[in-house]
Amino acid sequence: MIRTILDRKEAERIDGFIHEYRRLLVGLEEAYLASRCLFRIYEKYESEELVGFIKEMIKFVENLKVKT
């Protein structure tokens, strides 16, 4: 589906973003699951890193060029 609303260049940008930030994406997923199923205490630096990454991810998504 993603390739139907994006041109090839934008789809490749998304693939590159995912590849570059895979570790942080996995960290977000773990934080999401842990907040619902486990008790885990995060260090300040971990939280700051993930929040910073979320801000970067929001900028990335806002700059995507979607076909209309």
N, C-alpha and C. Protein backbone atom coordinates (compact mmCIF):
# COMPACT_ATOMS: atom_id res chain seq x y z
N MET A 1 0.83 -1.19 0.00
CA MET A 1 0.00 0.00 0.00
C MET A 1 0.87 1.25 0.00
N ILE A 2 1.98 1.22 0.71
CA ILE A 2 2.80 2.42 0.83
C ILE A 2 3.29 2.88 -0.54
N ARG A 3 3.53 1.98 -1.42
CA ARG A 3 4.05 2.35 -2.74
C ARG A 3 2.96 2.95 -3.63
N THR A 4 1.70 2.81 -3.27
CA THR A 4 0.64 3.37 -4.10
C THR A 4 0.42 4.85 -3.83
N ILE A 5 0.78 5.35 -2.67
CA ILE A 5 0.59 6.76 -2.36
C ILE A 5 1.89 7.55 -2.39
N LEU A 6 3.00 6.86 -2.57
CA LEU A 6 4.31 7.50 -2.62
C LEU A 6 5.01 7.14 -3.92
N ASP A 7 5.79 8.07 -4.41
CA ASP A 7 6.60 7.70 -5.56
C ASP A 7 7.80 6.87 -5.07
N ARG A 8 8.54 6.35 -6.00
CA ARG A 8 9.65 5.45 -5.67
C ARG A 8 10.69 6.13 -4.77
N LYS A 9 11.00 7.39 -5.06
CA LYS A 9 12.01 8.12 -4.29
C LYS A 9 11.59 8.24 -2.82
N GLU A 10 10.34 8.57 -2.58
CA GLU A 10 9.86 8.71 -1.21
C GLU A 10 9.84 7.35 -0.49
N ALA A 11 9.44 6.31 -1.21
CA ALA A 11 9.45 4.97 -0.62
C ALA A 11 10.87 4.56 -0.23
N GLU A 12 11.84 4.92 -1.06
CA GLU A 12 13.24 4.62 -0.74
C GLU A 12 13.72 5.44 0.46
N ARG A 13 13.26 6.67 0.58
CA ARG A 13 13.60 7.49 1.76
C ARG A 13 13.09 6.82 3.04
N ILE A 14 11.87 6.29 2.98
CA ILE A 14 11.30 5.60 4.15
C ILE A 14 12.11 4.36 4.47
N ASP A 15 12.44 3.58 3.47
CA ASP A 15 13.26 2.38 3.69
C ASP A 15 14.60 2.75 4.34
N GLY A 16 15.22 3.82 3.85
CA GLY A 16 16.49 4.27 4.41
C GLY A 16 16.34 4.72 5.85
N PHE A 17 15.26 5.45 6.14
CA PHE A 17 15.00 5.90 7.51
C PHE A 17 14.85 4.71 8.45
N ILE A 18 14.07 3.74 8.03
CA ILE A 18 13.87 2.54 8.85
C ILE A 18 15.19 1.81 9.07
N HIS A 19 15.97 1.68 8.02
CA HIS A 19 17.27 1.00 8.15
C HIS A 19 18.19 1.75 9.11
N GLU A 20 18.24 3.06 8.96
CA GLU A 20 19.15 3.88 9.79
C GLU A 20 18.74 3.89 11.26
N TYR A 21 17.45 3.88 11.52
CA TYR A 21 16.95 4.05 12.89
C TYR A 21 16.29 2.79 13.46
N ARG A 22 16.65 1.65 12.90
CA ARG A 22 16.02 0.39 13.35
C ARG A 22 16.14 0.18 14.86
N ARG A 23 17.29 0.46 15.42
CA ARG A 23 17.49 0.25 16.86
C ARG A 23 16.52 1.10 17.69
N LEU A 24 16.34 2.34 17.29
CA LEU A 24 15.43 3.22 18.03
C LEU A 24 13.97 2.84 17.80
N LEU A 25 13.64 2.39 16.61
CA LEU A 25 12.28 1.92 16.35
C LEU A 25 11.95 0.71 17.22
N VAL A 26 12.90 -0.20 17.34
CA VAL A 26 12.71 -1.36 18.23
C VAL A 26 12.59 -0.89 19.68
N GLY A 27 13.38 0.09 20.06
CA GLY A 27 13.29 0.64 21.42
C GLY A 27 11.93 1.23 21.71
N LEU A 28 11.34 1.93 20.73
CA LEU A 28 9.99 2.47 20.91
C LEU A 28 8.95 1.36 21.08
N GLU A 29 9.10 0.33 20.28
CA GLU A 29 8.18 -0.80 20.38
C GLU A 29 8.30 -1.47 21.76
N GLU A 30 9.51 -1.66 22.22
CA GLU A 30 9.72 -2.26 23.54
C GLU A 30 9.14 -1.39 24.64
N ALA A 31 9.32 -0.08 24.53
CA ALA A 31 8.78 0.84 25.53
C ALA A 31 7.25 0.78 25.53
N TYR A 32 6.66 0.71 24.36
CA TYR A 32 5.20 0.62 24.26
C TYR A 32 4.70 -0.65 24.95
N LEU A 33 5.31 -1.78 24.62
CA LEU A 33 4.88 -3.05 25.22
C LEU A 33 5.15 -3.09 26.72
N ALA A 34 6.30 -2.60 27.13
CA ALA A 34 6.65 -2.61 28.55
C ALA A 34 5.69 -1.75 29.37
N SER A 35 5.23 -0.64 28.78
CA SER A 35 4.33 0.24 29.53
C SER A 35 2.97 -0.40 29.76
N ARG A 36 2.63 -1.42 28.99
CA ARG A 36 1.34 -2.07 29.14
C ARG A 36 1.42 -3.43 29.82
N CYS A 37 2.56 -4.08 29.72
CA CYS A 37 2.64 -5.46 30.19
C CYS A 37 3.67 -5.69 31.29
N LEU A 38 4.65 -4.84 31.41
CA LEU A 38 5.76 -5.07 32.32
C LEU A 38 6.01 -3.84 33.18
N PHE A 39 6.80 -4.04 34.19
CA PHE A 39 7.26 -2.91 34.97
C PHE A 39 8.72 -2.70 34.63
N ARG A 40 9.02 -1.58 34.03
CA ARG A 40 10.40 -1.29 33.65
C ARG A 40 10.68 0.16 33.94
N ILE A 41 11.79 0.41 34.56
CA ILE A 41 12.21 1.78 34.84
C ILE A 41 13.23 2.17 33.78
N TYR A 42 12.99 3.31 33.16
CA TYR A 42 13.90 3.82 32.13
C TYR A 42 14.81 4.87 32.75
N GLU A 43 16.05 4.84 32.33
CA GLU A 43 16.99 5.88 32.73
C GLU A 43 16.66 7.16 31.98
N LYS A 44 17.05 8.28 32.54
CA LYS A 44 16.76 9.57 31.93
C LYS A 44 17.30 9.63 30.51
N TYR A 45 18.53 9.18 30.29
CA TYR A 45 19.13 9.26 28.97
C TYR A 45 18.36 8.42 27.95
N GLU A 46 17.80 7.29 28.40
CA GLU A 46 17.01 6.45 27.49
C GLU A 46 15.75 7.18 27.04
N SER A 47 15.08 7.78 28.00
CA SER A 47 13.85 8.52 27.69
C SER A 47 14.15 9.69 26.78
N GLU A 48 15.21 10.43 27.08
CA GLU A 48 15.56 11.59 26.26
C GLU A 48 15.91 11.17 24.83
N GLU A 49 16.61 10.06 24.70
CA GLU A 49 16.97 9.57 23.37
C GLU A 49 15.72 9.22 22.57
N LEU A 50 14.77 8.52 23.20
CA LEU A 50 13.56 8.12 22.49
C LEU A 50 12.68 9.32 22.16
N VAL A 51 12.56 10.27 23.07
CA VAL A 51 11.77 11.47 22.80
C VAL A 51 12.40 12.27 21.65
N GLY A 52 13.71 12.41 21.67
CA GLY A 52 14.40 13.09 20.57
C GLY A 52 14.16 12.40 19.24
N PHE A 53 14.19 11.07 19.26
CA PHE A 53 13.94 10.31 18.04
C PHE A 53 12.51 10.52 17.56
N ILE A 54 11.55 10.54 18.46
CA ILE A 54 10.16 10.76 18.07
C ILE A 54 10.01 12.12 17.37
N LYS A 55 10.69 13.13 17.89
CA LYS A 55 10.65 14.45 17.27
C LYS A 55 11.22 14.39 15.85
N GLU A 56 12.32 13.67 15.68
CA GLU A 56 12.91 13.51 14.35
C GLU A 56 11.96 12.75 13.42
N MET A 57 11.31 11.74 13.95
CA MET A 57 10.39 10.94 13.15
C MET A 57 9.19 11.79 12.71
N ILE A 58 8.69 12.64 13.57
CA ILE A 58 7.57 13.52 13.21
C ILE A 58 7.99 14.45 12.08
N LYS A 59 9.18 15.05 12.18
CA LYS A 59 9.67 15.92 11.10
C LYS A 59 9.78 15.15 9.78
N PHE A 60 10.30 13.94 9.86
CA PHE A 60 10.46 13.11 8.67
C PHE A 60 9.11 12.87 8.00
N VAL A 61 8.12 12.47 8.79
CA VAL A 61 6.79 12.17 8.24
C VAL A 61 6.13 13.43 7.69
N GLU A 62 6.30 14.55 8.37
CA GLU A 62 5.71 15.80 7.89
C GLU A 62 6.28 16.21 6.53
N ASN A 63 7.51 15.83 6.24
CA ASN A 63 8.17 16.22 4.99
C ASN A 63 8.00 15.22 3.86
N LEU A 64 7.25 14.14 4.10
CA LEU A 64 7.00 13.18 3.02
C LEU A 64 6.12 13.81 1.96
N LYS A 65 6.39 13.47 0.73
CA LYS A 65 5.59 13.96 -0.40
C LYS A 65 4.64 12.85 -0.82
N VAL A 66 3.37 13.04 -0.53
CA VAL A 66 2.36 12.03 -0.81
C VAL A 66 1.65 12.39 -2.12
N LYS A 67 1.40 11.38 -2.93
CA LYS A 67 0.66 11.59 -4.17
C LYS A 67 -0.79 11.93 -3.84
N THR A 68 -1.33 12.87 -4.55
CA THR A 68 -2.76 13.23 -4.35
C THR A 68 -3.59 12.85 -5.53
